[in-house]
Amino acid sequence: MAVNARNMTDDELFFGHKACAGCGGSLAVRAALKVLGRNAVAALPAGCMSAVGFNFPQLSFANNAMITPFAATASVLSGIEAGLRAQGVKPDDCTVVGFAGDGGTADIGLQALSGAIDRNDDVLYICYDNEAYMNTGIQKSSLTPFGARTTTTPAGSNAHGCLTSKKNLFEIVAAHGIPYAATASIGYLPDFMRKVERARDVKGTRYIHVIAPCPTGWGCGVEETVDIARAMVDCGLWYLAEFEGPALAGADHPFGRFTLNRNPAQFASVADYLRRQSRFRALSDQEIAQVEADRDRKWAAMRERWIAG
């Protein structure tokens, strides 16, 4: 049964946390656990959600949950799952799930994630992507987009923020032949929850990459989080997609199958999206036009190679 606002549980499995107002990551964790249920076992590295969710003497998780070393989220997930099976105490509806930020996933945690996918361990990894190391002071990660101001990529009259483009982690994960991977945005919460439900019911390693804005780091209003996350999709700088590995895709797709869940005929304004956030304030009109051109090239490639759902 599809989980939606009408039938999802009223149980709050992530509550009382100390996240900043408007935190997109906390919304992603809250929604995911409502889908996965009380028997899910969670692991989180040293990042925003562990910092705000494990404040002694308060534990904000109603589920079993633990903090992992920064680089070891996927490794710890593998150990938890193996340990539960070995003891014979893993419930049928138990999902072993990790929640890690962009830095803990795309940078320091990538080796462990790659290893878990290679072993095809039966775990779900959710990256809540706020596009910088927000917990430690807004430093650049490899998922920080071009032009974004961070404390390690300052922006002003002589510098225009991050000079690199966002790493294509979804396709890197898919290149492993993972059973299931998806992109999502808290701006389209029903789509995210549907993908968490789909991942819950797949065996092997699963990965979901969800955009989760941080008003503090992005320089937007705390009431704008969901709107900004939706606008990022609507202007084409993020896409909603799924990858099914060979086992799910079938014999006609021996290397797996990509599906675009949302394929708009026309995009909203890239400039309007960027100008709403102070982190992009130093970008010139010419640089914004370059961002838009890069978007168009990416979408042309996806539309040529991927199935439109």
Protein backbone atom coordinates (compact mmCIF):
# COMPACT_ATOMS: atom_id res chain seq x y z
CA MET A 1 0.00 0.00 0.00
CA ALA A 2 1.37 3.39 -0.97
CA VAL A 3 2.19 5.55 2.04
CA ASN A 4 0.75 9.06 1.86
CA ALA A 5 -0.44 11.89 4.10
CA ARG A 6 -3.81 10.22 4.64
CA ASN A 7 -2.63 6.81 5.77
CA MET A 8 0.87 7.24 7.21
CA THR A 9 1.36 6.65 10.90
CA ASP A 10 0.73 9.35 13.48
CA ASP A 11 3.69 7.96 15.45
CA GLU A 12 6.58 10.39 15.62
CA LEU A 13 9.80 8.40 15.39
CA PHE A 14 12.12 11.43 15.18
CA PHE A 15 11.02 14.26 17.41
CA GLY A 16 12.26 16.73 19.99
CA HIS A 17 15.50 17.28 18.10
CA LYS A 18 17.55 20.47 18.22
CA ALA A 19 17.79 21.17 14.48
CA CYS A 20 17.74 24.73 13.20
CA ALA A 21 14.41 26.16 12.17
CA GLY A 22 13.53 25.10 8.64
CA CYS A 23 16.01 22.19 8.59
CA GLY A 24 15.44 20.08 5.48
CA GLY A 25 17.47 17.16 6.80
CA SER A 26 15.26 16.70 9.84
CA LEU A 27 12.17 16.61 7.61
CA ALA A 28 13.77 13.94 5.42
CA VAL A 29 14.61 11.75 8.44
CA ARG A 30 11.17 12.22 9.98
CA ALA A 31 9.35 11.30 6.76
CA ALA A 32 11.58 8.31 6.01
CA LEU A 33 11.11 6.78 9.45
CA LYS A 34 7.34 7.15 9.17
CA VAL A 35 7.57 4.93 6.09
CA LEU A 36 10.10 2.46 7.52
CA GLY A 37 8.35 2.05 10.86
CA ARG A 38 9.36 1.52 14.46
CA ASN A 39 11.43 -1.62 13.80
CA ALA A 40 13.89 0.21 11.56
CA VAL A 41 17.39 0.45 13.00
CA ALA A 42 19.22 3.68 12.17
CA ALA A 43 22.87 4.67 12.04
CA LEU A 44 24.12 8.22 11.58
CA PRO A 45 27.66 9.60 11.25
CA ALA A 46 29.01 12.73 12.88
CA GLY A 47 26.82 15.24 11.09
CA CYS A 48 23.81 17.48 11.55
CA MET A 49 21.29 14.76 12.39
CA SER A 50 23.50 13.05 14.94
CA ALA A 51 24.36 16.42 16.48
CA VAL A 52 20.72 17.40 16.90
CA GLY A 53 19.28 13.95 17.60
CA PHE A 54 21.51 12.58 20.37
CA ASN A 55 21.56 15.34 22.97
CA PHE A 56 22.01 13.71 26.39
CA PRO A 57 19.76 12.95 28.19
CA GLN A 58 17.32 13.23 25.29
CA LEU A 59 17.32 10.78 22.39
CA SER A 60 15.21 12.05 19.51
CA PHE A 61 14.82 8.63 17.89
CA ALA A 62 12.00 6.30 18.91
CA ASN A 63 13.81 3.65 16.85
CA ASN A 64 17.04 1.98 17.84
CA ALA A 65 19.70 4.39 16.58
CA MET A 66 23.43 4.92 16.98
CA ILE A 67 26.18 7.33 15.94
CA THR A 68 28.95 5.99 13.71
CA PRO A 69 32.44 7.26 12.89
CA PHE A 70 32.24 9.89 10.18
CA ALA A 71 33.64 7.68 7.42
CA ALA A 72 31.94 4.45 8.44
CA THR A 73 28.19 4.84 8.00
CA ALA A 74 27.81 2.11 5.38
CA SER A 75 30.25 -0.21 7.16
CA VAL A 76 28.34 0.11 10.42
CA LEU A 77 25.07 -0.55 8.60
CA SER A 78 26.57 -3.75 7.21
CA GLY A 79 27.66 -4.83 10.69
CA ILE A 80 24.28 -4.09 12.27
CA GLU A 81 22.42 -6.06 9.61
CA ALA A 82 24.80 -9.03 9.83
CA GLY A 83 24.65 -9.01 13.62
CA LEU A 84 20.84 -9.01 13.72
CA ARG A 85 20.71 -11.91 11.29
CA ALA A 86 23.36 -13.87 13.18
CA GLN A 87 21.40 -13.51 16.41
CA GLY A 88 18.14 -14.44 14.72
CA VAL A 89 16.41 -11.33 16.10
CA LYS A 90 15.86 -9.31 12.91
CA PRO A 91 12.11 -8.71 12.44
CA ASP A 92 10.67 -9.16 8.97
CA ASP A 93 9.86 -5.44 8.81
CA CYS A 94 13.28 -4.28 10.01
CA THR A 95 15.16 -1.98 7.65
CA VAL A 96 18.74 -1.13 8.60
CA VAL A 97 19.01 2.48 7.43
CA GLY A 98 21.72 5.11 7.41
CA PHE A 99 21.16 8.86 7.28
CA ALA A 100 24.25 10.82 6.26
CA GLY A 101 24.90 14.27 4.84
CA ASP A 102 26.58 15.14 1.57
CA GLY A 103 30.08 15.39 2.99
CA GLY A 104 29.74 12.17 4.99
CA THR A 105 28.51 10.42 1.86
CA ALA A 106 30.18 11.84 -1.24
CA ASP A 107 33.54 12.57 0.40
CA ILE A 108 34.68 10.81 3.55
CA GLY A 109 32.05 8.05 3.44
CA LEU A 110 32.25 7.11 -0.24
CA GLN A 111 34.69 4.23 0.19
CA ALA A 112 32.50 2.48 2.77
CA LEU A 113 29.38 3.04 0.66
CA SER A 114 31.11 1.61 -2.41
CA GLY A 115 32.17 -1.45 -0.40
CA ALA A 116 28.65 -2.08 0.90
CA ILE A 117 27.26 -1.91 -2.65
CA ASP A 118 30.00 -4.24 -3.88
CA ARG A 119 29.00 -6.81 -1.22
CA ASN A 120 25.31 -6.08 -1.86
CA ASP A 121 24.63 -5.88 1.86
CA ASP A 122 20.94 -5.65 2.72
CA VAL A 123 20.92 -2.01 3.88
CA LEU A 124 19.33 1.30 2.89
CA TYR A 125 21.53 4.40 2.70
CA ILE A 126 19.84 7.82 2.58
CA CYS A 127 21.95 10.89 1.82
CA TYR A 128 20.28 14.11 2.92
CA ASP A 129 22.06 16.60 0.72
CA ASN A 130 22.28 20.19 1.98
CA GLU A 131 25.27 20.85 -0.27
CA ALA A 132 27.96 21.64 2.32
CA TYR A 133 29.40 20.54 5.66
CA MET A 134 26.77 22.48 7.58
CA ASN A 135 27.35 20.97 11.02
CA THR A 136 30.96 22.17 11.25
CA GLY A 137 30.59 25.67 9.84
CA ILE A 138 29.42 25.49 6.20
CA GLN A 139 32.54 24.19 4.44
CA LYS A 140 32.49 23.06 0.80
CA SER A 141 31.83 19.40 0.00
CA SER A 142 32.05 17.69 -3.39
CA LEU A 143 28.26 18.12 -3.62
CA THR A 144 28.46 21.90 -3.25
CA PRO A 145 27.24 23.48 -6.52
CA PHE A 146 29.17 25.91 -8.68
CA GLY A 147 29.06 29.47 -7.37
CA ALA A 148 27.91 28.68 -3.84
CA ARG A 149 29.49 30.67 -1.04
CA THR A 150 30.87 28.63 1.85
CA THR A 151 33.48 29.39 4.49
CA THR A 152 36.10 27.57 2.40
CA THR A 153 34.86 29.00 -0.92
CA PRO A 154 34.19 32.65 -0.07
CA ALA A 155 32.40 34.95 -2.46
CA GLY A 156 32.91 38.66 -2.97
CA SER A 157 34.43 41.15 -5.36
CA ASN A 158 37.43 38.91 -6.07
CA ALA A 159 35.91 35.44 -5.70
CA HIS A 160 32.68 33.89 -6.86
CA GLY A 161 32.27 30.98 -4.47
CA CYS A 162 32.68 27.31 -5.32
CA LEU A 163 34.60 26.80 -8.56
CA THR A 164 33.72 23.12 -9.06
CA SER A 165 30.47 21.48 -10.09
CA LYS A 166 28.35 19.11 -8.03
CA LYS A 167 29.57 15.51 -8.11
CA ASN A 168 27.19 13.17 -9.95
CA LEU A 169 26.85 10.75 -7.05
CA PHE A 170 23.58 9.15 -8.14
CA GLU A 171 25.14 7.88 -11.36
CA ILE A 172 28.34 6.88 -9.55
CA VAL A 173 26.27 4.70 -7.23
CA ALA A 174 24.27 3.31 -10.17
CA ALA A 175 27.49 2.42 -12.00
CA HIS A 176 28.10 -0.16 -9.26
CA GLY A 177 25.05 -2.10 -10.48
CA ILE A 178 23.23 -1.40 -7.21
CA PRO A 179 19.78 -3.06 -6.98
CA TYR A 180 17.95 0.24 -6.46
CA ALA A 181 18.86 3.92 -6.29
CA ALA A 182 16.80 7.10 -6.51
CA THR A 183 16.97 10.86 -6.31
CA ALA A 184 14.38 12.87 -4.42
CA SER A 185 13.62 16.27 -2.91
CA ILE A 186 11.75 17.26 0.22
CA GLY A 187 9.99 19.73 -2.07
CA TYR A 188 8.21 16.69 -3.53
CA LEU A 189 7.65 14.73 -0.34
CA PRO A 190 5.15 12.16 -1.70
CA ASP A 191 7.73 11.16 -4.35
CA PHE A 192 10.41 10.80 -1.64
CA MET A 193 8.16 8.70 0.57
CA ARG A 194 7.19 6.47 -2.36
CA LYS A 195 10.87 5.85 -3.08
CA VAL A 196 11.62 5.06 0.57
CA GLU A 197 8.75 2.55 0.49
CA ARG A 198 10.08 1.04 -2.73
CA ALA A 199 13.57 0.79 -1.29
CA ARG A 200 12.21 -0.78 1.91
CA ASP A 201 10.84 -3.69 -0.09
CA VAL A 202 13.97 -4.35 -2.19
CA LYS A 203 16.67 -6.73 -1.00
CA GLY A 204 20.34 -5.81 -1.23
CA THR A 205 21.92 -2.36 -1.06
CA ARG A 206 19.65 0.61 -1.78
CA TYR A 207 20.50 4.29 -2.02
CA ILE A 208 18.34 7.42 -1.97
CA HIS A 209 19.77 10.91 -2.52
CA VAL A 210 17.36 13.56 -1.24
CA ILE A 211 17.82 17.33 -1.55
CA ALA A 212 17.29 18.86 1.90
CA PRO A 213 17.94 22.63 2.01
CA CYS A 214 19.67 24.29 4.96
CA PRO A 215 18.40 27.87 5.44
CA THR A 216 21.48 28.71 7.52
CA GLY A 217 23.92 27.67 4.81
CA TRP A 218 21.82 28.56 1.79
CA GLY A 219 20.84 32.04 2.94
CA CYS A 220 17.10 31.69 2.57
CA GLY A 221 14.17 32.11 4.95
CA VAL A 222 13.38 29.30 7.38
CA GLU A 223 9.84 29.23 5.98
CA GLU A 224 11.16 28.72 2.43
CA THR A 225 12.75 25.28 2.83
CA VAL A 226 10.12 23.23 1.02
CA ASP A 227 9.57 25.90 -1.66
CA ILE A 228 13.30 26.17 -2.35
CA ALA A 229 13.62 22.38 -2.58
CA ARG A 230 10.72 22.31 -5.04
CA ALA A 231 12.15 25.20 -7.05
CA MET A 232 15.47 23.39 -7.47
CA VAL A 233 13.60 20.57 -9.22
CA ASP A 234 11.32 22.87 -11.20
CA CYS A 235 14.22 24.86 -12.65
CA GLY A 236 16.04 21.66 -13.63
CA LEU A 237 19.07 21.93 -11.35
CA TRP A 238 17.95 18.71 -9.65
CA TYR A 239 16.02 15.83 -11.14
CA LEU A 240 13.75 13.09 -9.79
CA ALA A 241 14.86 9.70 -11.08
CA GLU A 242 15.28 6.03 -10.26
CA PHE A 243 17.79 3.36 -11.19
CA GLU A 244 16.87 -0.31 -11.16
CA GLY A 245 19.72 -2.78 -11.29
CA PRO A 246 19.66 -5.81 -13.61
CA ALA A 247 17.68 -7.97 -11.17
CA LEU A 248 14.81 -5.46 -11.04
CA ALA A 249 15.07 -4.09 -14.58
CA GLY A 250 14.75 -7.48 -16.27
CA ALA A 251 16.42 -9.26 -19.15
CA ASP A 252 15.81 -6.39 -21.58
CA HIS A 253 18.06 -4.17 -19.45
CA PRO A 254 21.13 -6.26 -18.53
CA PHE A 255 23.01 -3.20 -17.24
CA GLY A 256 20.07 -1.71 -15.38
CA ARG A 257 17.55 0.99 -16.23
CA PHE A 258 17.30 4.72 -15.48
CA THR A 259 13.86 6.32 -15.29
CA LEU A 260 13.08 10.03 -15.15
CA ASN A 261 10.12 10.42 -12.80
CA ARG A 262 9.58 14.04 -13.77
CA ASN A 263 10.32 15.31 -17.26
CA PRO A 264 9.03 18.89 -17.54
CA ALA A 265 8.35 20.37 -20.95
CA GLN A 266 9.52 23.75 -19.67
CA PHE A 267 11.76 24.72 -16.77
CA ALA A 268 11.22 27.46 -14.24
CA SER A 269 13.81 30.25 -14.06
CA VAL A 270 17.29 29.26 -12.92
CA ALA A 271 18.07 32.90 -12.12
CA ASP A 272 15.03 33.22 -9.84
CA TYR A 273 16.07 30.07 -7.95
CA LEU A 274 19.66 31.22 -7.47
CA ARG A 275 18.78 34.82 -6.58
CA ARG A 276 16.57 33.65 -3.69
CA GLN A 277 19.69 32.44 -1.83
CA SER A 278 22.42 34.68 -0.51
CA ARG A 279 25.04 31.96 -1.08
CA PHE A 280 24.80 32.68 -4.84
CA ARG A 281 24.80 36.46 -4.52
CA ALA A 282 28.19 36.95 -6.19
CA LEU A 283 27.22 35.13 -9.40
CA SER A 284 27.13 37.34 -12.48
CA ASP A 285 24.43 37.15 -15.13
CA GLN A 286 26.98 35.50 -17.42
CA GLU A 287 27.77 32.83 -14.83
CA ILE A 288 24.07 32.17 -14.26
CA ALA A 289 23.68 31.72 -18.01
CA GLN A 290 26.52 29.16 -17.86
CA VAL A 291 24.73 27.28 -15.06
CA GLU A 292 21.62 27.21 -17.24
CA ALA A 293 23.59 25.96 -20.25
CA ASP A 294 25.13 23.17 -18.15
CA ARG A 295 21.63 22.23 -17.03
CA ASP A 296 20.45 21.99 -20.63
CA ARG A 297 23.35 19.71 -21.58
CA LYS A 298 22.66 17.43 -18.64
CA TRP A 299 18.97 17.15 -19.46
CA ALA A 300 19.66 16.50 -23.14
CA ALA A 301 21.87 13.56 -22.14
CA MET A 302 19.33 12.18 -19.68
CA ARG A 303 16.46 12.45 -22.13
CA GLU A 304 18.48 10.64 -24.77
CA ARG A 305 19.58 7.74 -22.56
CA TRP A 306 16.90 7.38 -19.86
CA ILE A 307 13.26 6.32 -19.91
CA ALA A 308 10.70 9.01 -19.16
CA GLY A 309 8.37 7.69 -16.48
